[in-house]
Amino acid sequence: PPFHYMLAAFGGGDVRCTAYETYGSVELGQSAV
């Protein structure tokens, strides 16, 4: 969450976390995007 102003370097006030997806899967790429 936005606990520090340096998160702005990533483009906004947070860095999102995805649900778990199997490594190497197409779904992992889709959730990351």
All heavy atoms as atom14 arrays in JSON, in Angstrom:
{
  "sequence": "PPFHYMLAAFGGGDVRCTAYETYGSVELGQSAV",
  "atom14_mask": [
    [1, 1, 1, 1, 1, 1, 1, 0, 0, 0, 0, 0, 0, 0],
    [1, 1, 1, 1, 1, 1, 1, 0, 0, 0, 0, 0, 0, 0],
    [1, 1, 1, 1, 1, 1, 1, 1, 1, 1, 1, 0, 0, 0],
    [1, 1, 1, 1, 1, 1, 1, 1, 1, 1, 0, 0, 0, 0],
    [1, 1, 1, 1, 1, 1, 1, 1, 1, 1, 1, 1, 0, 0],
    [1, 1, 1, 1, 1, 1, 1, 1, 0, 0, 0, 0, 0, 0],
    [1, 1, 1, 1, 1, 1, 1, 1, 0, 0, 0, 0, 0, 0],
    [1, 1, 1, 1, 1, 0, 0, 0, 0, 0, 0, 0, 0, 0],
    [1, 1, 1, 1, 1, 0, 0, 0, 0, 0, 0, 0, 0, 0],
    [1, 1, 1, 1, 1, 1, 1, 1, 1, 1, 1, 0, 0, 0],
    [1, 1, 1, 1, 0, 0, 0, 0, 0, 0, 0, 0, 0, 0],
    [1, 1, 1, 1, 0, 0, 0, 0, 0, 0, 0, 0, 0, 0],
    [1, 1, 1, 1, 0, 0, 0, 0, 0, 0, 0, 0, 0, 0],
    [1, 1, 1, 1, 1, 1, 1, 1, 0, 0, 0, 0, 0, 0],
    [1, 1, 1, 1, 1, 1, 1, 0, 0, 0, 0, 0, 0, 0],
    [1, 1, 1, 1, 1, 1, 1, 1, 1, 1, 1, 0, 0, 0],
    [1, 1, 1, 1, 1, 1, 0, 0, 0, 0, 0, 0, 0, 0],
    [1, 1, 1, 1, 1, 1, 1, 0, 0, 0, 0, 0, 0, 0],
    [1, 1, 1, 1, 1, 0, 0, 0, 0, 0, 0, 0, 0, 0],
    [1, 1, 1, 1, 1, 1, 1, 1, 1, 1, 1, 1, 0, 0],
    [1, 1, 1, 1, 1, 1, 1, 1, 1, 0, 0, 0, 0, 0],
    [1, 1, 1, 1, 1, 1, 1, 0, 0, 0, 0, 0, 0, 0],
    [1, 1, 1, 1, 1, 1, 1, 1, 1, 1, 1, 1, 0, 0],
    [1, 1, 1, 1, 0, 0, 0, 0, 0, 0, 0, 0, 0, 0],
    [1, 1, 1, 1, 1, 1, 0, 0, 0, 0, 0, 0, 0, 0],
    [1, 1, 1, 1, 1, 1, 1, 0, 0, 0, 0, 0, 0, 0],
    [1, 1, 1, 1, 1, 1, 1, 1, 1, 0, 0, 0, 0, 0],
    [1, 1, 1, 1, 1, 1, 1, 1, 0, 0, 0, 0, 0, 0],
    [1, 1, 1, 1, 0, 0, 0, 0, 0, 0, 0, 0, 0, 0],
    [1, 1, 1, 1, 1, 1, 1, 1, 1, 0, 0, 0, 0, 0],
    [1, 1, 1, 1, 1, 1, 0, 0, 0, 0, 0, 0, 0, 0],
    [1, 1, 1, 1, 1, 0, 0, 0, 0, 0, 0, 0, 0, 0],
    [1, 1, 1, 1, 1, 1, 1, 0, 0, 0, 0, 0, 0, 0]
  ],
  "atom14_positions": [
    [[0.81, -1.22, 0.0], [0.0, 0.0, 0.0], [0.85, 1.27, 0.0], [2.09, 1.2, 0.1], [-0.78, -0.14, 1.31], [0.19, -0.83, 2.23], [0.95, -1.81, 1.34], [0.0, 0.0, 0.0], [0.0, 0.0, 0.0], [0.0, 0.0, 0.0], [0.0, 0.0, 0.0], [0.0, 0.0, 0.0], [0.0, 0.0, 0.0], [0.0, 0.0, 0.0]],
    [[0.21, 2.44, -0.06], [0.94, 3.72, -0.15], [1.52, 4.16, 1.2], [1.14, 5.2, 1.74], [-0.12, 4.69, -0.67], [-1.4, 4.14, -0.15], [-1.24, 2.65, -0.22], [0.0, 0.0, 0.0], [0.0, 0.0, 0.0], [0.0, 0.0, 0.0], [0.0, 0.0, 0.0], [0.0, 0.0, 0.0], [0.0, 0.0, 0.0], [0.0, 0.0, 0.0]],
    [[2.48, 3.41, 1.7], [3.1, 3.74, 2.99], [4.28, 4.69, 2.8], [4.74, 5.3, 3.77], [3.55, 2.47, 3.71], [4.86, 1.91, 3.2], [6.02, 2.06, 3.93], [4.92, 1.21, 1.99], [7.22, 1.56, 3.47], [6.12, 0.7, 1.53], [7.28, 0.88, 2.27], [0.0, 0.0, 0.0], [0.0, 0.0, 0.0], [0.0, 0.0, 0.0]],
    [[4.78, 4.83, 1.57], [5.96, 5.65, 1.31], [5.83, 6.26, -0.08], [5.33, 5.63, -1.02], [7.22, 4.78, 1.36], [8.51, 5.54, 1.44], [9.06, 6.17, 0.35], [9.35, 5.78, 2.49], [10.19, 6.76, 0.72], [10.39, 6.54, 2.01], [0.0, 0.0, 0.0], [0.0, 0.0, 0.0], [0.0, 0.0, 0.0], [0.0, 0.0, 0.0]],
    [[6.31, 7.5, -0.21], [6.15, 8.2, -1.47], [6.89, 7.53, -2.63], [6.55, 7.74, -3.81], [6.59, 9.66, -1.35], [8.09, 9.86, -1.28], [8.85, 10.0, -2.43], [8.75, 9.9, -0.05], [10.22, 10.17, -2.38], [10.11, 10.07, 0.01], [10.85, 10.21, -1.15], [12.21, 10.36, -1.09], [0.0, 0.0, 0.0], [0.0, 0.0, 0.0]],
    [[7.92, 6.7, -2.33], [8.69, 6.09, -3.42], [7.89, 5.05, -4.21], [8.32, 4.64, -5.28], [9.98, 5.48, -2.88], [11.04, 6.51, -2.55], [12.65, 5.77, -2.19], [13.14, 5.21, -3.83], [0.0, 0.0, 0.0], [0.0, 0.0, 0.0], [0.0, 0.0, 0.0], [0.0, 0.0, 0.0], [0.0, 0.0, 0.0], [0.0, 0.0, 0.0]],
    [[6.72, 4.65, -3.7], [5.88, 3.77, -4.51], [5.44, 4.44, -5.8], [5.1, 3.78, -6.77], [4.65, 3.3, -3.73], [4.82, 1.94, -3.03], [5.63, 2.11, -1.75], [3.49, 1.3, -2.74], [0.0, 0.0, 0.0], [0.0, 0.0, 0.0], [0.0, 0.0, 0.0], [0.0, 0.0, 0.0], [0.0, 0.0, 0.0], [0.0, 0.0, 0.0]],
    [[5.49, 5.79, -5.81], [5.11, 6.52, -7.02], [5.99, 6.17, -8.2], [5.59, 6.31, -9.35], [5.19, 8.03, -6.75], [0.0, 0.0, 0.0], [0.0, 0.0, 0.0], [0.0, 0.0, 0.0], [0.0, 0.0, 0.0], [0.0, 0.0, 0.0], [0.0, 0.0, 0.0], [0.0, 0.0, 0.0], [0.0, 0.0, 0.0], [0.0, 0.0, 0.0]],
    [[7.21, 5.67, -7.93], [8.12, 5.29, -9.01], [7.55, 4.16, -9.87], [7.98, 3.97, -11.01], [9.47, 4.88, -8.44], [0.0, 0.0, 0.0], [0.0, 0.0, 0.0], [0.0, 0.0, 0.0], [0.0, 0.0, 0.0], [0.0, 0.0, 0.0], [0.0, 0.0, 0.0], [0.0, 0.0, 0.0], [0.0, 0.0, 0.0], [0.0, 0.0, 0.0]],
    [[6.58, 3.41, -9.32], [5.97, 2.31, -10.07], [4.71, 2.75, -10.81], [4.05, 1.93, -11.44], [5.64, 1.15, -9.13], [6.83, 0.62, -8.38], [6.95, 0.84, -7.02], [7.84, -0.06, -9.04], [8.06, 0.36, -6.32], [8.95, -0.54, -8.36], [9.06, -0.32, -6.99], [0.0, 0.0, 0.0], [0.0, 0.0, 0.0], [0.0, 0.0, 0.0]],
    [[4.36, 4.03, -10.71], [3.24, 4.55, -11.49], [1.99, 4.87, -10.71], [1.02, 5.35, -11.29], [0.0, 0.0, 0.0], [0.0, 0.0, 0.0], [0.0, 0.0, 0.0], [0.0, 0.0, 0.0], [0.0, 0.0, 0.0], [0.0, 0.0, 0.0], [0.0, 0.0, 0.0], [0.0, 0.0, 0.0], [0.0, 0.0, 0.0], [0.0, 0.0, 0.0]],
    [[1.96, 4.6, -9.41], [0.77, 4.86, -8.62], [1.03, 4.68, -7.14], [2.18, 4.64, -6.7], [0.0, 0.0, 0.0], [0.0, 0.0, 0.0], [0.0, 0.0, 0.0], [0.0, 0.0, 0.0], [0.0, 0.0, 0.0], [0.0, 0.0, 0.0], [0.0, 0.0, 0.0], [0.0, 0.0, 0.0], [0.0, 0.0, 0.0], [0.0, 0.0, 0.0]],
    [[-0.04, 4.53, -6.38], [0.09, 4.47, -4.92], [0.22, 3.09, -4.34], [0.31, 2.95, -3.11], [0.0, 0.0, 0.0], [0.0, 0.0, 0.0], [0.0, 0.0, 0.0], [0.0, 0.0, 0.0], [0.0, 0.0, 0.0], [0.0, 0.0, 0.0], [0.0, 0.0, 0.0], [0.0, 0.0, 0.0], [0.0, 0.0, 0.0], [0.0, 0.0, 0.0]],
    [[0.22, 2.07, -5.18], [0.38, 0.72, -4.64], [1.09, -0.16, -5.67], [1.28, 0.22, -6.82], [-0.97, 0.09, -4.25], [-1.91, -0.08, -5.44], [-1.53, 0.27, -6.59], [-3.04, -0.56, -5.24], [0.0, 0.0, 0.0], [0.0, 0.0, 0.0], [0.0, 0.0, 0.0], [0.0, 0.0, 0.0], [0.0, 0.0, 0.0], [0.0, 0.0, 0.0]],
    [[1.51, -1.33, -5.21], [2.0, -2.38, -6.11], [1.07, -3.56, -5.9], [1.01, -4.13, -4.81], [3.46, -2.76, -5.8], [3.89, -3.96, -6.65], [4.39, -1.58, -6.06], [0.0, 0.0, 0.0], [0.0, 0.0, 0.0], [0.0, 0.0, 0.0], [0.0, 0.0, 0.0], [0.0, 0.0, 0.0], [0.0, 0.0, 0.0], [0.0, 0.0, 0.0]],
    [[0.31, -3.88, -6.93], [-0.75, -4.88, -6.79], [-0.19, -6.29, -6.65], [0.88, -6.6, -7.17], [-1.69, -4.82, -8.0], [-2.3, -3.44, -8.21], [-3.21, -3.43, -9.43], [-3.67, -2.08, -9.74], [-3.29, -1.38, -10.79], [-2.43, -1.91, -11.67], [-3.74, -0.16, -10.99], [0.0, 0.0, 0.0], [0.0, 0.0, 0.0], [0.0, 0.0, 0.0]],
    [[-0.96, -7.13, -5.96], [-0.62, -8.54, -5.81], [-1.71, -9.37, -6.47], [-2.9, -9.08, -6.31], [-0.51, -8.9, -4.33], [0.08, -10.58, -4.02], [0.0, 0.0, 0.0], [0.0, 0.0, 0.0], [0.0, 0.0, 0.0], [0.0, 0.0, 0.0], [0.0, 0.0, 0.0], [0.0, 0.0, 0.0], [0.0, 0.0, 0.0], [0.0, 0.0, 0.0]],
    [[-1.33, -10.37, -7.23], [-2.29, -11.21, -7.94], [-2.68, -12.42, -7.09], [-2.04, -12.72, -6.08], [-1.72, -11.72, -9.27], [-0.78, -12.78, -9.0], [-1.02, -10.61, -10.04], [0.0, 0.0, 0.0], [0.0, 0.0, 0.0], [0.0, 0.0, 0.0], [0.0, 0.0, 0.0], [0.0, 0.0, 0.0], [0.0, 0.0, 0.0], [0.0, 0.0, 0.0]],
    [[-3.7, -13.12, -7.52], [-3.98, -14.44, -6.96], [-2.91, -15.41, -7.47], [-2.24, -15.14, -8.47], [-5.36, -14.91, -7.4], [0.0, 0.0, 0.0], [0.0, 0.0, 0.0], [0.0, 0.0, 0.0], [0.0, 0.0, 0.0], [0.0, 0.0, 0.0], [0.0, 0.0, 0.0], [0.0, 0.0, 0.0], [0.0, 0.0, 0.0], [0.0, 0.0, 0.0]],
    [[-2.74, -16.5, -6.78], [-1.74, -17.49, -7.2], [-2.13, -18.14, -8.52], [-3.28, -18.51, -8.73], [-1.58, -18.57, -6.13], [-0.66, -19.69, -6.59], [0.72, -19.49, -6.64], [-1.17, -20.92, -7.01], [1.57, -20.48, -7.08], [-0.32, -21.93, -7.45], [1.04, -21.7, -7.49], [1.9, -22.69, -7.94], [0.0, 0.0, 0.0], [0.0, 0.0, 0.0]],
    [[-1.15, -18.26, -9.39], [-1.29, -19.02, -10.63], [-0.06, -19.91, -10.79], [1.03, -19.55, -10.34], [-1.39, -18.1, -11.85], [-2.58, -17.14, -11.85], [-3.92, -17.81, -12.07], [-3.94, -19.03, -12.33], [-4.93, -17.11, -11.98], [0.0, 0.0, 0.0], [0.0, 0.0, 0.0], [0.0, 0.0, 0.0], [0.0, 0.0, 0.0], [0.0, 0.0, 0.0]],
    [[-0.24, -21.07, -11.38], [0.86, -22.01, -11.56], [2.01, -21.36, -12.33], [1.78, -20.69, -13.34], [0.38, -23.26, -12.31], [-0.7, -23.84, -11.59], [1.51, -24.28, -12.43], [0.0, 0.0, 0.0], [0.0, 0.0, 0.0], [0.0, 0.0, 0.0], [0.0, 0.0, 0.0], [0.0, 0.0, 0.0], [0.0, 0.0, 0.0], [0.0, 0.0, 0.0]],
    [[3.23, -21.58, -11.84], [4.38, -20.97, -12.52], [4.5, -21.51, -13.94], [4.2, -22.66, -14.23], [5.66, -21.19, -11.72], [6.27, -22.57, -11.83], [7.2, -22.87, -12.83], [5.94, -23.58, -10.93], [7.77, -24.12, -12.94], [6.5, -24.84, -11.04], [7.42, -25.11, -12.04], [7.98, -26.35, -12.15], [0.0, 0.0, 0.0], [0.0, 0.0, 0.0]],
    [[4.91, -20.63, -14.83], [5.08, -21.01, -16.23], [3.79, -21.08, -17.03], [3.83, -21.36, -18.23], [0.0, 0.0, 0.0], [0.0, 0.0, 0.0], [0.0, 0.0, 0.0], [0.0, 0.0, 0.0], [0.0, 0.0, 0.0], [0.0, 0.0, 0.0], [0.0, 0.0, 0.0], [0.0, 0.0, 0.0], [0.0, 0.0, 0.0], [0.0, 0.0, 0.0]],
    [[2.65, -20.78, -16.39], [1.37, -20.92, -17.08], [0.98, -19.65, -17.82], [1.44, -18.55, -17.51], [0.26, -21.28, -16.08], [0.03, -20.19, -15.2], [0.0, 0.0, 0.0], [0.0, 0.0, 0.0], [0.0, 0.0, 0.0], [0.0, 0.0, 0.0], [0.0, 0.0, 0.0], [0.0, 0.0, 0.0], [0.0, 0.0, 0.0], [0.0, 0.0, 0.0]],
    [[0.1, -19.81, -18.82], [-0.45, -18.66, -19.53], [-1.22, -17.78, -18.56], [-1.18, -16.54, -18.63], [-1.36, -19.14, -20.68], [-2.12, -17.96, -21.29], [-0.54, -19.86, -21.74], [0.0, 0.0, 0.0], [0.0, 0.0, 0.0], [0.0, 0.0, 0.0], [0.0, 0.0, 0.0], [0.0, 0.0, 0.0], [0.0, 0.0, 0.0], [0.0, 0.0, 0.0]],
    [[-1.92, -18.4, -17.61], [-2.72, -17.65, -16.64], [-1.86, -16.74, -15.78], [-2.29, -15.64, -15.4], [-3.52, -18.61, -15.75], [-4.63, -19.36, -16.45], [-4.13, -20.52, -17.31], [-2.96, -20.94, -17.16], [-4.93, -21.03, -18.13], [0.0, 0.0, 0.0], [0.0, 0.0, 0.0], [0.0, 0.0, 0.0], [0.0, 0.0, 0.0], [0.0, 0.0, 0.0]],
    [[-0.65, -17.18, -15.47], [0.26, -16.34, -14.69], [0.57, -15.06, -15.45], [0.56, -13.95, -14.88], [1.55, -17.1, -14.36], [2.62, -16.31, -13.61], [2.1, -15.82, -12.26], [3.87, -17.18, -13.41], [0.0, 0.0, 0.0], [0.0, 0.0, 0.0], [0.0, 0.0, 0.0], [0.0, 0.0, 0.0], [0.0, 0.0, 0.0], [0.0, 0.0, 0.0]],
    [[0.87, -15.18, -16.73], [1.14, -14.0, -17.54], [-0.07, -13.08, -17.63], [0.05, -11.86, -17.55], [0.0, 0.0, 0.0], [0.0, 0.0, 0.0], [0.0, 0.0, 0.0], [0.0, 0.0, 0.0], [0.0, 0.0, 0.0], [0.0, 0.0, 0.0], [0.0, 0.0, 0.0], [0.0, 0.0, 0.0], [0.0, 0.0, 0.0], [0.0, 0.0, 0.0]],
    [[-1.25, -13.67, -17.77], [-2.47, -12.86, -17.88], [-2.72, -12.09, -16.59], [-3.08, -10.91, -16.62], [-3.66, -13.77, -18.19], [-3.62, -14.38, -19.58], [-4.68, -15.44, -19.8], [-5.22, -16.04, -18.85], [-5.01, -15.69, -21.05], [0.0, 0.0, 0.0], [0.0, 0.0, 0.0], [0.0, 0.0, 0.0], [0.0, 0.0, 0.0], [0.0, 0.0, 0.0]],
    [[-2.53, -12.74, -15.45], [-2.77, -12.06, -14.17], [-1.73, -10.97, -13.93], [-2.04, -9.91, -13.38], [-2.79, -13.06, -13.02], [-1.51, -13.66, -12.82], [0.0, 0.0, 0.0], [0.0, 0.0, 0.0], [0.0, 0.0, 0.0], [0.0, 0.0, 0.0], [0.0, 0.0, 0.0], [0.0, 0.0, 0.0], [0.0, 0.0, 0.0], [0.0, 0.0, 0.0]],
    [[-0.48, -11.22, -14.36], [0.57, -10.21, -14.2], [0.24, -8.98, -15.05], [0.38, -7.84, -14.59], [1.92, -10.78, -14.58], [0.0, 0.0, 0.0], [0.0, 0.0, 0.0], [0.0, 0.0, 0.0], [0.0, 0.0, 0.0], [0.0, 0.0, 0.0], [0.0, 0.0, 0.0], [0.0, 0.0, 0.0], [0.0, 0.0, 0.0], [0.0, 0.0, 0.0]],
    [[-0.19, -9.19, -16.28], [-0.53, -8.07, -17.17], [-1.65, -7.23, -16.55], [-1.6, -5.99, -16.56], [-0.92, -8.59, -18.56], [-1.63, -7.5, -19.37], [0.32, -9.08, -19.3], [0.0, 0.0, 0.0], [0.0, 0.0, 0.0], [0.0, 0.0, 0.0], [0.0, 0.0, 0.0], [0.0, 0.0, 0.0], [0.0, 0.0, 0.0], [0.0, 0.0, 0.0]]
  ]
}
